[in-house]
Every structure is written in C-alpha cells, then in structure tokens.
Protein backbone atom coordinates (compact mmCIF):
# COMPACT_ATOMS: atom_id res chain seq x y z
CA MET A 1 -0.08 -0.01 -0.02
CA ASN A 2 1.60 3.49 -1.01
CA HIS A 3 1.64 6.19 1.43
CA ALA A 4 -1.04 8.21 0.08
CA ARG A 5 -3.54 5.40 0.47
CA LEU A 6 -2.06 4.65 4.22
CA ARG A 7 -2.82 8.55 5.07
CA THR A 8 -6.61 8.30 3.36
CA THR A 9 -7.22 5.00 5.35
CA ALA A 10 -5.82 6.59 8.46
CA ALA A 11 -7.90 9.40 7.91
CA LEU A 12 -11.31 7.28 7.33
CA LEU A 13 -10.51 5.65 10.77
CA THR A 14 -10.12 8.45 12.68
CA ALA A 15 -13.46 10.07 11.35
CA VAL A 16 -15.42 6.84 12.26
CA VAL A 17 -13.98 6.82 15.80
CA PHE A 18 -14.65 10.46 16.12
CA ALA A 19 -18.14 10.33 14.97
CA GLY A 20 -18.84 7.35 16.78
CA SER A 21 -18.06 9.05 19.83
CA LEU A 22 -20.25 11.97 19.08
CA SER A 23 -23.22 9.93 18.20
CA GLY A 24 -22.78 7.36 21.19
CA CYS A 25 -22.32 4.76 18.87
CA TRP A 26 -20.42 1.13 19.37
CA ASN A 27 -16.37 2.13 19.07
CA PRO A 28 -15.07 -1.10 17.88
CA PHE A 29 -11.47 -0.18 19.35
CA ALA A 30 -13.15 0.39 22.81
CA PRO A 31 -12.32 -2.50 25.35
CA LYS A 32 -14.67 -4.98 26.23
CA SER A 33 -16.69 -4.50 29.65
CA GLY A 34 -18.29 -7.01 32.16
CA ASP A 35 -14.90 -9.07 31.96
CA GLY A 36 -14.77 -9.31 35.80
CA GLY A 37 -13.02 -5.71 35.80
CA GLY A 38 -16.30 -3.73 36.95
CA GLY A 39 -17.20 -2.46 33.47
CA GLU A 40 -20.78 -1.99 33.03
CA ASP A 41 -22.58 -4.59 30.61
CA ASP A 42 -26.19 -6.05 29.87
CA PHE A 43 -26.09 -8.27 32.56
CA GLU A 44 -29.04 -8.87 34.89
CA TYR A 45 -29.49 -10.19 38.24
CA LYS A 46 -33.28 -11.52 38.95
CA LEU A 47 -35.72 -10.64 41.20
CA ARG A 48 -35.62 -12.44 43.82
CA THR A 49 -39.08 -13.89 43.94
CA SER A 50 -38.05 -17.31 44.41
CA PRO A 51 -35.37 -19.41 46.09
CA GLU A 52 -34.04 -20.36 42.26
CA ASN A 53 -33.71 -16.89 41.85
CA VAL A 54 -31.57 -16.21 44.64
CA VAL A 55 -29.39 -18.80 43.86
CA TYR A 56 -28.95 -17.40 40.48
CA ASN A 57 -28.03 -14.24 41.87
CA LEU A 58 -25.64 -15.71 44.41
CA MET A 59 -23.82 -17.71 41.96
CA ASN A 60 -23.47 -14.86 39.24
CA ALA A 61 -22.36 -12.73 42.03
CA TYR A 62 -19.45 -14.71 43.31
CA GLU A 63 -18.25 -15.08 39.52
CA ARG A 64 -18.82 -11.41 39.12
CA MET A 65 -16.85 -10.80 42.33
CA ASP A 66 -19.93 -8.27 43.35
CA ALA A 67 -20.14 -8.40 47.01
CA ALA A 68 -23.33 -5.81 47.07
CA LYS A 69 -25.14 -8.19 45.32
CA TYR A 70 -23.93 -11.09 47.15
CA LEU A 71 -24.80 -9.83 50.61
CA GLU A 72 -28.07 -8.39 49.13
CA CYS A 73 -29.05 -12.51 48.67
CA LEU A 74 -28.88 -12.91 52.72
CA ALA A 75 -30.76 -11.87 55.31
CA GLU A 76 -30.14 -9.55 57.87
CA ASP A 77 -29.85 -12.18 60.78
CA PHE A 78 -27.98 -14.55 58.15
CA ILE A 79 -26.03 -17.67 59.69
CA PHE A 80 -23.40 -19.40 58.10
CA PHE A 81 -22.42 -22.49 59.66
CA LEU A 82 -18.92 -24.10 59.13
CA ASN A 83 -18.13 -27.25 58.60
CA GLU A 84 -17.83 -29.25 61.70
CA GLU A 85 -14.33 -30.37 60.55
CA ASP A 86 -13.11 -27.51 60.39
CA THR A 87 -14.53 -25.97 63.41
CA ALA A 88 -12.12 -28.85 65.57
CA GLU A 89 -9.52 -26.02 64.48
CA PRO A 90 -9.45 -24.06 67.86
CA ASP A 91 -9.27 -20.52 65.96
CA LEU A 92 -12.62 -21.12 63.93
CA PRO A 93 -15.88 -20.73 65.31
CA ASP A 94 -18.88 -22.90 64.68
CA TYR A 95 -20.80 -20.06 62.69
CA TRP A 96 -20.60 -16.41 62.28
CA GLY A 97 -23.26 -13.67 60.64
CA LYS A 98 -23.71 -11.40 58.07
CA ALA A 99 -21.18 -9.09 59.44
CA GLU A 100 -18.37 -11.37 58.84
CA GLU A 101 -20.00 -12.23 55.63
CA THR A 102 -19.72 -8.81 54.65
CA ALA A 103 -15.84 -8.50 55.77
CA ILE A 104 -14.93 -11.99 53.96
CA HIS A 105 -16.47 -10.85 50.41
CA GLU A 106 -15.58 -7.00 50.35
CA ARG A 107 -11.98 -8.32 51.24
CA MET A 108 -12.15 -11.33 48.49
CA PHE A 109 -13.83 -9.14 46.13
CA SER A 110 -11.88 -6.06 46.47
CA ASP A 111 -9.55 -4.52 43.71
CA THR A 112 -6.72 -5.30 46.08
CA THR A 113 -7.83 -8.58 46.49
CA ASP A 114 -5.10 -11.79 45.13
CA VAL A 115 -8.17 -13.31 43.55
CA GLN A 116 -8.12 -13.25 39.77
CA SER A 117 -11.14 -14.75 38.75
CA ILE A 118 -13.82 -17.33 40.35
CA GLU A 119 -16.09 -20.05 38.62
CA LEU A 120 -18.88 -21.34 40.81
CA THR A 121 -21.51 -23.97 39.88
CA LEU A 122 -24.66 -24.99 42.29
CA THR A 123 -26.37 -28.19 41.45
CA GLN A 124 -29.43 -28.82 43.34
CA PHE A 125 -29.78 -32.23 44.83
CA GLY A 126 -33.55 -33.32 45.29
CA GLY A 127 -36.15 -31.11 45.62
CA PRO A 128 -36.54 -28.58 48.39
CA GLU A 129 -38.01 -29.61 51.63
CA GLU A 130 -40.44 -27.73 53.67
CA VAL A 131 -39.54 -26.66 56.97
CA PRO A 132 -41.66 -24.74 59.51
CA GLY A 133 -41.61 -21.33 60.12
CA GLU A 134 -39.86 -19.57 63.27
CA PHE A 135 -43.22 -19.21 64.44
CA PRO A 136 -46.34 -21.34 64.48
CA GLU A 137 -48.35 -18.76 62.65
CA ASP A 138 -45.71 -18.07 59.93
CA PRO A 139 -45.52 -19.54 56.81
CA PRO A 140 -43.14 -22.25 55.95
CA ARG A 141 -39.49 -22.07 54.49
CA TYR A 142 -37.69 -24.25 52.50
CA LEU A 143 -34.57 -25.83 52.48
CA TYR A 144 -32.34 -26.78 49.34
CA LYS A 145 -29.85 -29.24 49.26
CA GLN A 146 -26.87 -27.95 46.54
CA ASN A 147 -23.55 -29.51 45.85
CA VAL A 148 -21.12 -26.86 45.01
CA ASP A 149 -17.75 -26.85 42.95
CA LEU A 150 -15.92 -23.43 43.48
CA TRP A 151 -12.65 -22.54 41.91
CA VAL A 152 -10.97 -19.28 43.23
CA HIS A 153 -7.81 -18.51 40.83
CA LEU A 154 -4.87 -16.89 42.19
CA PRO A 155 -1.79 -15.97 40.89
CA ASN A 156 1.09 -18.28 39.79
CA GLU A 157 -1.59 -20.61 38.56
CA VAL A 158 -2.60 -21.84 41.81
CA THR A 159 -6.29 -22.47 42.09
CA LEU A 160 -8.46 -23.14 45.70
CA TRP A 161 -10.75 -25.55 44.82
CA ALA A 162 -13.94 -26.54 46.84
CA ASN A 163 -16.08 -29.68 46.11
CA ALA A 164 -18.70 -29.61 48.86
CA GLY A 165 -22.06 -29.91 49.55
CA ALA A 166 -24.21 -26.79 51.24
CA THR A 167 -27.69 -26.42 52.75
CA PHE A 168 -29.46 -23.34 52.15
CA LEU A 169 -32.38 -22.34 54.55
CA PHE A 170 -35.00 -19.94 52.58
CA ASP A 171 -37.53 -17.53 54.03
CA ARG A 172 -39.44 -14.72 52.70
CA ASP A 173 -37.68 -11.22 53.18
CA PRO A 174 -40.00 -8.95 55.87
CA ASP A 175 -38.49 -5.84 54.96
CA GLU A 176 -38.43 -5.39 51.31
CA THR A 177 -40.80 -5.89 48.25
CA GLY A 178 -40.55 -6.05 44.64
CA PRO A 179 -41.18 -2.78 42.49
CA SER A 180 -44.73 -4.26 41.90
CA GLY A 181 -45.04 -5.45 45.78
CA GLN A 182 -43.72 -8.63 45.08
CA GLU A 183 -42.88 -11.30 47.95
CA LEU A 184 -39.09 -11.59 47.50
CA TRP A 185 -36.77 -14.22 49.28
CA HIS A 186 -33.31 -14.43 50.86
CA VAL A 187 -31.04 -17.05 52.41
CA VAL A 188 -31.11 -17.42 56.18
CA GLU A 189 -28.87 -19.91 56.70
CA TRP A 190 -26.19 -21.64 54.79
CA GLN A 191 -24.47 -24.96 55.88
CA ASP A 192 -21.25 -26.15 54.73
CA VAL A 193 -21.62 -29.75 54.60
CA GLU A 194 -20.06 -33.00 52.71
CA LYS A 195 -21.11 -33.46 48.96
CA PHE A 196 -24.56 -34.82 48.51
CA GLY A 197 -24.47 -38.27 46.37
CA THR A 198 -21.39 -38.36 44.71
CA LYS A 199 -18.00 -39.16 45.62
CA LEU A 200 -15.30 -36.22 45.62
CA ILE A 201 -13.48 -35.81 42.29
CA THR A 202 -9.33 -35.91 42.22
CA PRO A 203 -8.15 -32.60 42.15
CA ARG A 204 -6.40 -31.25 38.68
CA GLU A 205 -3.09 -30.14 38.36
CA GLY A 206 -2.43 -26.66 40.45
CA GLU A 207 -6.07 -27.04 42.56
CA VAL A 208 -5.29 -27.03 45.98
CA PRO A 209 -8.46 -28.72 47.65
CA ILE A 210 -10.28 -26.67 50.36
CA SER A 211 -13.42 -26.59 52.07
CA ILE A 212 -16.02 -23.70 51.71
CA SER A 213 -15.64 -22.99 55.29
CA GLU A 214 -11.76 -22.59 55.17
CA LEU A 215 -11.77 -20.63 52.10
CA LYS A 216 -13.77 -17.85 53.60
CA ALA A 217 -11.89 -17.93 56.52
CA LYS A 218 -8.63 -17.41 54.73
CA TYR A 219 -10.32 -13.63 53.32
CA LEU A 220 -11.94 -13.12 57.30
CA ARG A 221 -8.41 -13.25 58.92
C-alpha cells in the first residue's frame, strides 16, 4: 500500500471513531466490559421472587465478584455454619453472621484482592424440603441442598478448589418487596456440609483442595 493510501485509510478510521464518540455509537476499538474488571454490561440479576432466583443471583455475584449483590441474597440475621471438621480448629467458630460475611466478601472481591477470577457451580440435589416457620403462625420456609464446585483462581496458576455440599434455608424477606409489591426471598442459613450423593473428584494439576469454610476464613483473618 502506498503512502497516499495509508494516509487516506488513517483519516477515514479517525473520522469513524470521532463520529462514533459524538453519536454514542459502539466504538470498535473500545475495550470490552463485563469481563470481571467492574465494567458495565447488559447482565441483569433476577428479582428475588423465588429461592431459585436467589441461587442464580448468588452464583453470578460470586463469578462477577460483586459483594453488594451477594450480600443482597442474605437476610440481615443470616448465619453461616462452618463444616464440623473445620470447627475442630481452635481459631474457627461454629458459625458467624452477616457482618463476617460482609468483611469476607468485601475483602475477597476488592480491587486489591489476590483473587484473579472465580467460577462457581451450584447443582441442586433433590427437591426443596418444607421447614416450619420460626413461629407457629409463620408460613413455611424451604431447605435446598446444593452441590458446590467453587474455583478461586490465584496468581502463579494456583487454584483453590472447594468441592462440597451446602444446605440453604430460604425465607421470605420481611423488610423488602419487589417494585410491584412482589414477595421476595433471601437466605437465612447456609451450612457447609459434605457433598451429596457423589464421590469427591480428584483435583487437577494446580488445584488445591479446600473447604468452603476454610476458603471463607482465609479472607476473614
């Protein structure tokens, strides 16, 4: 290509980008957003009108490292029960509440975290189980069993891998409704347990097995 054609092509490209910036059109040279770097995109969380929608939001909040959206899934009096094997350690409690969950996830998902990316799969095991409400006049709550695969990718090609089970107890949110008055749900209890129904899978190269409780505690300390 001769110098005259190069100058013409460069001028045309400059004009396209400049016109796009004036009109608000898509810029073909702009970086992609929504790739874990906090950019805006067209992803939408679901309205918490069912326990299934809460599970969807929780899983995506983890993968998108979105602490605020994760915490929206939890009741104000939320309790996380650590795995019984982990509570044998003297420095770990039997359970903690939303304040600790807030500290953990704001640290784990922060701009200064050592976490590079997260993958989370929640697979329901069996159907939901009806659980009586806190008081006799309360409507029932629902217990969901989930198998958890959580990969937390760290620098130097190290991955923390939690392959476990979880029980989530769901109840109606007494403090918030949807935009049209819809009943909303949230998690009131999460218990870290052994995986349901299947054997543990051998970790792959670079994967360090860890429990959900140990992984969370790593970012609480």
